[in-house]
Protein backbone atom coordinates (compact mmCIF):
# COMPACT_ATOMS: atom_id res chain seq x y z
CA MET A 1 164.04 58.61 185.33
CA GLU A 2 166.45 56.23 183.62
CA SER A 3 169.41 58.40 184.67
CA VAL A 4 168.19 58.32 188.29
CA TYR A 5 168.14 54.51 188.27
CA ARG A 6 171.58 54.43 186.64
CA ILE A 7 172.99 56.69 189.36
CA LYS A 8 171.44 54.47 192.06
CA TRP A 9 172.96 51.34 190.52
CA ILE A 10 176.38 53.03 190.38
CA PHE A 11 175.95 54.16 193.98
CA PHE A 12 175.04 50.67 195.21
CA ALA A 13 177.85 49.08 193.16
CA ALA A 14 180.39 51.52 194.67
CA THR A 15 178.95 50.85 198.13
CA ALA A 16 179.26 47.08 197.69
CA TYR A 17 182.86 47.48 196.49
CA MET A 18 183.74 49.64 199.51
CA ILE A 19 182.16 47.13 201.91
CA PHE A 20 184.11 44.20 200.40
CA ALA A 21 187.29 46.29 200.36
CA PHE A 22 186.78 47.27 203.99
CA ALA A 23 186.19 43.64 205.01
CA TRP A 24 189.29 42.54 203.08
CA TRP A 25 191.54 45.15 204.73
CA THR A 26 190.18 44.16 208.15
CA ILE A 27 191.09 40.52 207.48
CA LEU A 28 194.56 41.58 206.28
CA LEU A 29 195.14 43.62 209.45
CA ILE A 30 194.20 40.64 211.61
CA ARG A 31 196.53 38.40 209.62
CA LYS A 32 199.35 40.93 209.95
CA ASN A 33 198.69 41.09 213.67
CA GLU A 34 198.94 37.28 213.91
CA ASP A 35 202.12 37.25 211.81
CA ALA A 36 203.64 39.89 214.06
CA ARG A 37 202.64 37.84 217.13
CA GLU A 38 204.27 34.70 215.77
CA ALA A 39 207.44 36.59 214.81
CA LYS A 40 207.64 38.18 218.25
CA ILE A 41 207.12 34.83 219.98
CA GLU A 42 209.81 33.16 217.85
CA LEU A 43 212.23 35.98 218.61
CA LEU A 44 211.43 35.77 222.32
CA GLN A 45 211.80 31.98 222.28
CA LEU A 46 215.18 32.24 220.54
CA GLY A 47 216.40 34.85 223.04
CA MET A 48 215.22 32.92 226.09
CA ARG A 49 216.75 29.72 224.74
CA THR A 50 220.03 31.51 224.17
CA GLU A 51 219.91 32.88 227.71
CA GLN A 52 218.90 29.40 228.94
CA ILE A 53 215.93 30.90 230.82
CA TYR A 54 213.61 27.95 230.11
CA THR A 55 214.26 24.23 229.61
CA ASP A 56 211.15 23.06 227.71
CA SER A 57 208.18 24.38 225.69
CA LEU A 58 205.75 24.17 228.62
CA ALA A 59 207.96 26.43 230.74
CA PHE A 60 208.16 28.92 227.84
CA ILE A 61 204.39 29.01 227.41
CA ARG A 62 203.97 29.62 231.14
CA SER A 63 206.52 32.41 231.21
CA ALA A 64 205.40 35.97 231.98
CA ARG A 65 207.06 37.44 228.89
CA TYR A 66 205.22 35.00 226.59
CA ASN A 67 201.87 35.78 228.24
CA GLU A 68 202.61 39.50 228.02
CA ILE A 69 203.16 39.25 224.24
CA ASN A 70 199.98 37.20 223.79
CA HIS A 71 197.98 39.65 225.88
CA ARG A 72 199.29 42.65 223.92
CA TYR A 73 198.49 41.12 220.51
CA ASP A 74 195.10 39.84 221.69
CA ARG A 75 194.30 43.37 222.75
CA GLN A 76 195.38 44.69 219.34
CA LYS A 77 193.19 42.07 217.65
CA ASP A 78 190.20 43.13 219.76
CA MET A 79 190.88 46.78 218.88
CA ILE A 80 190.92 45.94 215.16
CA TRP A 81 187.55 44.18 215.45
CA GLU A 82 185.97 46.86 217.65
CA GLU A 83 187.15 49.77 215.53
CA GLY A 84 186.30 47.87 212.37
CA ILE A 85 182.73 47.20 213.54
CA PHE A 86 182.34 50.80 214.72
CA ILE A 87 183.60 52.22 211.40
CA PHE A 88 181.51 49.70 209.44
CA LEU A 89 178.32 50.63 211.30
CA GLY A 90 179.11 54.32 210.80
CA PHE A 91 179.66 53.62 207.12
CA LEU A 92 176.32 51.79 206.83
CA LEU A 93 174.58 54.63 208.69
CA GLY A 94 176.09 57.13 206.27
CA ILE A 95 174.99 55.02 203.29
CA TRP A 96 171.46 54.78 204.70
CA PHE A 97 171.34 58.54 205.32
CA ILE A 98 172.56 59.34 201.81
CA ASN A 99 170.05 56.92 200.28
CA GLU A 100 167.16 58.30 202.34
CA THR A 101 168.10 61.88 201.44
CA HIS A 102 168.32 60.92 197.77
CA ASN A 103 164.92 59.17 197.88
CA LYS A 104 163.34 62.22 199.55
CA GLU A 105 164.83 64.55 196.97
CA VAL A 106 163.59 62.33 194.13
CA ALA A 107 160.11 62.13 195.71
CA LEU A 108 160.05 65.91 196.21
CA SER A 109 161.20 66.45 192.63
CA ASN A 110 158.44 64.15 191.37
CA GLN A 111 155.86 65.94 193.51
CA ARG A 112 156.98 69.32 192.18
CA ARG A 113 156.86 68.06 188.61
CA ASN A 114 153.39 66.62 189.14
CA PHE A 115 152.36 69.88 190.77
CA LEU A 116 153.55 71.92 187.79
CA LEU A 117 151.69 69.61 185.42
CA SER A 118 148.49 69.71 187.47
CA ILE A 119 148.67 73.46 188.13
CA THR A 120 149.16 74.11 184.43
CA HIS A 121 146.05 72.07 183.66
CA GLU A 122 144.09 73.64 186.51
CA LEU A 123 144.94 77.14 185.28
CA LYS A 124 144.43 76.51 181.57
CA SER A 125 141.13 74.65 181.90
CA PRO A 126 139.01 77.48 183.41
CA LEU A 127 140.74 80.08 181.27
CA ALA A 128 139.97 78.08 178.12
CA SER A 129 136.33 77.71 179.21
CA ILE A 130 135.94 81.43 179.88
CA GLN A 131 137.62 82.27 176.58
CA LEU A 132 135.31 79.91 174.71
CA ILE A 133 132.24 81.47 176.35
CA LEU A 134 133.38 84.98 175.45
CA GLN A 135 134.06 83.93 171.86
CA THR A 136 130.56 82.42 171.72
CA PHE A 137 129.06 85.76 172.81
CA LEU A 138 131.03 87.54 170.10
CA LYS A 139 130.11 85.20 167.27
CA ARG A 140 126.49 84.34 168.07
CA LYS A 141 123.34 86.04 169.19
CA LEU A 142 121.91 83.84 171.93
CA GLU A 143 118.58 83.63 173.66
CA LYS A 144 118.37 84.71 177.30
CA PRO A 145 118.26 81.15 178.77
CA GLN A 146 121.39 80.24 176.83
CA THR A 147 123.07 83.50 177.82
CA ASP A 148 122.25 82.95 181.49
CA LYS A 149 123.58 79.39 181.37
CA LEU A 150 126.87 80.48 179.80
CA ILE A 151 127.24 83.37 182.24
CA HIS A 152 126.75 81.01 185.19
CA SER A 153 129.28 78.63 183.68
CA ALA A 154 131.80 81.47 183.25
CA LEU A 155 131.23 82.62 186.83
CA SER A 156 131.75 79.06 188.06
CA GLU A 157 135.03 78.76 186.15
CA SER A 158 136.08 82.19 187.38
CA ASP A 159 135.35 81.12 190.97
CA ARG A 160 137.38 77.96 190.44
CA LEU A 161 140.30 79.99 189.09
CA ASN A 162 140.04 82.47 191.95
CA GLN A 163 140.05 79.66 194.53
CA LEU A 164 143.13 78.11 192.93
CA ILE A 165 145.03 81.41 193.00
CA ASN A 166 143.99 81.99 196.62
CA ASN A 167 145.29 78.53 197.54
CA LEU A 168 148.63 79.24 195.86
CA LEU A 169 148.99 82.58 197.65
CA LEU A 170 147.86 81.11 200.96
CA SER A 171 150.28 78.16 200.75
CA ALA A 172 153.17 80.59 200.17
CA LYS A 173 152.01 82.73 203.09
CA LEU A 174 151.67 79.74 205.41
CA GLU A 175 155.35 78.84 204.91
CA THR A 176 156.61 82.29 205.85
CA ALA A 177 154.77 84.30 208.47
CA TYR A 178 151.14 83.39 208.96
CA THR A 179 149.37 84.53 212.10
CA PRO A 180 145.59 84.06 212.41
CA GLN A 181 143.61 87.29 212.73
CA LEU A 182 141.26 86.32 215.53
CA GLU A 183 137.59 87.16 215.61
CA ASP A 184 134.45 85.66 217.13
CA ILE A 185 132.97 83.03 214.82
CA SER A 186 129.64 81.25 214.94
CA LEU A 187 130.42 77.72 213.75
CA GLU A 188 126.73 77.03 213.10
CA VAL A 189 126.48 79.95 210.66
CA LEU A 190 129.85 79.30 209.02
CA VAL A 191 129.23 75.58 208.50
CA ASP A 192 125.78 76.29 207.02
CA GLU A 193 127.32 78.82 204.60
CA ILE A 194 130.01 76.39 203.46
CA VAL A 195 127.56 73.49 203.08
CA GLU A 196 125.16 75.60 201.01
CA LYS A 197 128.03 76.79 198.82
CA MET A 198 129.21 73.22 198.25
CA LYS A 199 125.66 72.07 197.48
CA THR A 200 125.45 74.71 194.77
CA LYS A 201 128.85 73.70 193.39
CA PHE A 202 128.09 69.97 193.54
CA PRO A 203 124.32 69.57 193.03
CA ASN A 204 124.57 65.77 192.74
CA ALA A 205 126.27 65.40 196.12
CA ASN A 206 124.45 64.73 199.37
CA ILE A 207 126.15 67.12 201.80
CA VAL A 208 124.61 67.29 205.26
CA ALA A 209 125.57 69.34 208.30
CA GLU A 210 124.65 67.84 211.66
CA LYS A 211 123.64 70.91 213.66
CA ALA A 212 124.73 71.45 217.26
CA VAL A 213 124.79 74.27 219.79
CA VAL A 214 128.37 75.33 220.55
CA PRO A 215 130.00 78.42 222.11
CA VAL A 216 131.40 81.24 220.01
CA PHE A 217 134.75 80.25 218.54
CA SER A 218 137.77 82.58 218.51
CA GLY A 219 139.70 82.13 215.26
CA GLU A 220 140.26 83.41 211.76
CA LYS A 221 137.04 83.15 209.76
CA LEU A 222 138.77 82.93 206.36
CA GLY A 223 141.12 80.25 207.68
CA ILE A 224 138.38 78.08 209.19
CA ALA A 225 136.29 78.55 206.05
CA SER A 226 139.26 77.41 203.94
CA ILE A 227 139.58 74.28 206.12
CA LEU A 228 135.91 73.40 205.63
CA LEU A 229 135.92 74.18 201.90
CA ASN A 230 139.00 72.06 201.20
CA LEU A 231 137.87 69.08 203.28
CA VAL A 232 134.30 69.03 201.94
CA GLU A 233 135.48 69.47 198.35
CA ASN A 234 138.02 66.64 198.82
CA ALA A 235 135.29 64.43 200.27
CA VAL A 236 133.18 65.02 197.15
CA LYS A 237 136.04 64.64 194.67
CA TYR A 238 137.28 61.37 196.12
CA SER A 239 133.88 59.71 196.29
CA LYS A 240 133.06 57.31 193.45
CA ASP A 241 129.54 55.93 193.48
CA ILE A 242 128.02 57.30 196.67
CA ILE A 243 128.69 61.01 197.23
CA ASP A 244 127.55 61.33 200.82
CA VAL A 245 129.38 63.88 203.00
CA ARG A 246 128.62 64.55 206.65
CA VAL A 247 129.85 67.63 208.51
CA ARG A 248 129.67 67.40 212.27
CA TYR A 249 130.84 69.82 214.97
CA TYR A 250 130.63 69.80 218.75
CA TYR A 251 132.31 71.20 221.86
CA GLY A 252 133.94 69.14 224.59
CA GLN A 253 136.90 69.19 227.00
CA ASP A 254 137.57 72.88 226.27
CA LYS A 255 137.99 72.16 222.56
CA PHE A 256 135.98 72.57 219.39
CA HIS A 257 135.77 69.41 217.29
CA ILE A 258 134.93 69.34 213.58
CA GLU A 259 134.48 66.10 211.63
CA ILE A 260 134.07 65.64 207.87
CA ALA A 261 133.15 62.10 206.86
CA ASP A 262 132.61 60.58 203.43
CA GLN A 263 131.93 57.22 201.78
CA GLY A 264 134.76 57.59 199.26
CA ILE A 265 137.91 55.69 198.38
CA GLY A 266 139.54 56.23 201.78
CA VAL A 267 143.21 56.76 202.65
CA PRO A 268 145.64 53.83 203.15
CA ASP A 269 147.19 53.69 206.63
CA LYS A 270 150.74 54.21 205.32
CA GLU A 271 149.69 57.46 203.62
CA LYS A 272 147.59 59.01 206.39
CA LYS A 273 150.44 61.32 207.45
CA LYS A 274 151.91 61.93 204.00
CA ILE A 275 148.70 63.44 202.62
CA PHE A 276 149.33 66.62 204.63
CA GLU A 277 152.66 67.23 202.87
CA LYS A 278 152.88 69.95 200.25
CA PHE A 279 152.12 68.77 196.68
CA TYR A 280 151.47 65.20 197.90
CA ARG A 281 148.66 63.23 196.28
CA LEU A 282 147.60 59.63 196.82
CA GLY A 283 149.43 57.33 194.43
CA ASN A 284 146.52 55.50 192.84
CA GLU A 285 145.01 55.85 189.40
CA TYR A 286 141.74 57.35 190.61
CA THR A 287 143.40 60.25 192.42
CA ARG A 288 145.69 60.93 189.47
CA GLN A 289 142.61 61.28 187.25
CA THR A 290 140.95 63.62 189.76
CA LYS A 291 141.57 67.36 189.56
CA GLY A 292 143.85 68.77 192.22
CA THR A 293 147.23 70.31 193.00
CA GLY A 294 148.20 68.61 196.27
CA LEU A 295 147.85 71.90 198.20
CA GLY A 296 144.43 71.49 199.85
CA LEU A 297 145.35 69.26 202.78
CA PHE A 298 148.68 71.04 203.24
CA ILE A 299 146.77 74.31 203.66
CA VAL A 300 144.31 72.66 206.05
CA ASP A 301 147.12 71.21 208.19
CA GLN A 302 149.03 74.51 208.36
CA ILE A 303 145.94 76.55 209.30
CA VAL A 304 145.00 74.00 211.99
CA LYS A 305 148.54 74.18 213.42
CA ALA A 306 148.44 78.00 213.34
CA HIS A 307 145.29 77.74 215.50
CA LYS A 308 147.21 75.42 217.92
CA GLY A 309 144.98 72.53 216.92
CA SER A 310 145.42 69.04 215.52
CA ILE A 311 143.99 67.06 212.60
CA GLN A 312 143.69 63.31 212.06
CA ALA A 313 142.87 61.26 208.99
CA LEU A 314 140.86 58.23 210.15
CA ASP A 315 138.86 55.45 208.53
CA ASN A 316 135.14 56.01 208.23
CA HIS A 317 132.69 53.12 208.51
CA PRO A 318 131.68 51.17 206.52
CA LYS A 319 134.10 52.87 204.10
CA GLY A 320 135.66 56.21 203.25
CA SER A 321 137.58 58.76 205.28
CA LEU A 322 136.95 60.74 208.43
CA PHE A 323 138.93 63.92 209.03
CA LYS A 324 138.80 64.99 212.66
CA ILE A 325 139.95 68.48 213.74
CA SER A 326 140.38 69.63 217.34
CA LEU A 327 140.84 73.34 218.06
CA PRO A 328 141.41 74.99 221.45
CA ASN A 329 138.82 77.38 222.83
CA ARG A 330 141.33 80.26 222.91
CA LEU A 331 144.78 80.65 221.36
């Protein structure tokens, strides 16, 4: 990080030097232009005096040849300023573009590094838990209730690991050639399945599906299920005191609408679009302490786009986030 700041300081110092140098050479060109004008006028004045073309200074100033010289050098002066301003603005634009590209590369590098750190933890944690459970079975003879509890814990960790691997594979697939395999889906049934699964995974959370009667939806079941799983799980993870998640769906204006609302920490306005970028996570301490890889919302966004739909991150009331998805009736 220190080397990055050093490079930026060198870059800005070199930029400042080039700007001052450019301004100095522009001033020198204008001065040279004025010197050339004065020399030309003196030469013309000497020649006209020798030829006795004019009798006094006023007649010389009014002469056509004097005005022609002034006009020519005024035009050269204007050209120096115009070209100088044009080149200067182009230079500033280039500096801005280089700086923006550098900042994006640094941000992407940081996101990738954070992703590697988080993915390493996310992979090692369930593996370590499963390993510990297996070692416990080898070393101790347990009663059935204890055995059942450990088995359920191992299955839970295995499911977590499986979901993580699926997300990694899906994110890679979404960036290459992903085409939804369409089938008829009952949103009522699918939402109920996802909500029940999340209730089992998060028993302390209040997850409610607001039921509605909607037409059969044409889409990819696994893709829509992944959208719901990621959004509901995010809503639970990023809720502090009150874990209250509402899943709502309805049909209107030839589109299916799905809303997932929570009472969590919310998303700042300036980050509402960034959260759908790959590896991006909110930059506050609470989100850094929360498990995640920065792939969930990227996957959601890509699947929604593949279904020709749109997604918005909005503010929920009185607090929290509201993710609103709109999907067309038919692709």
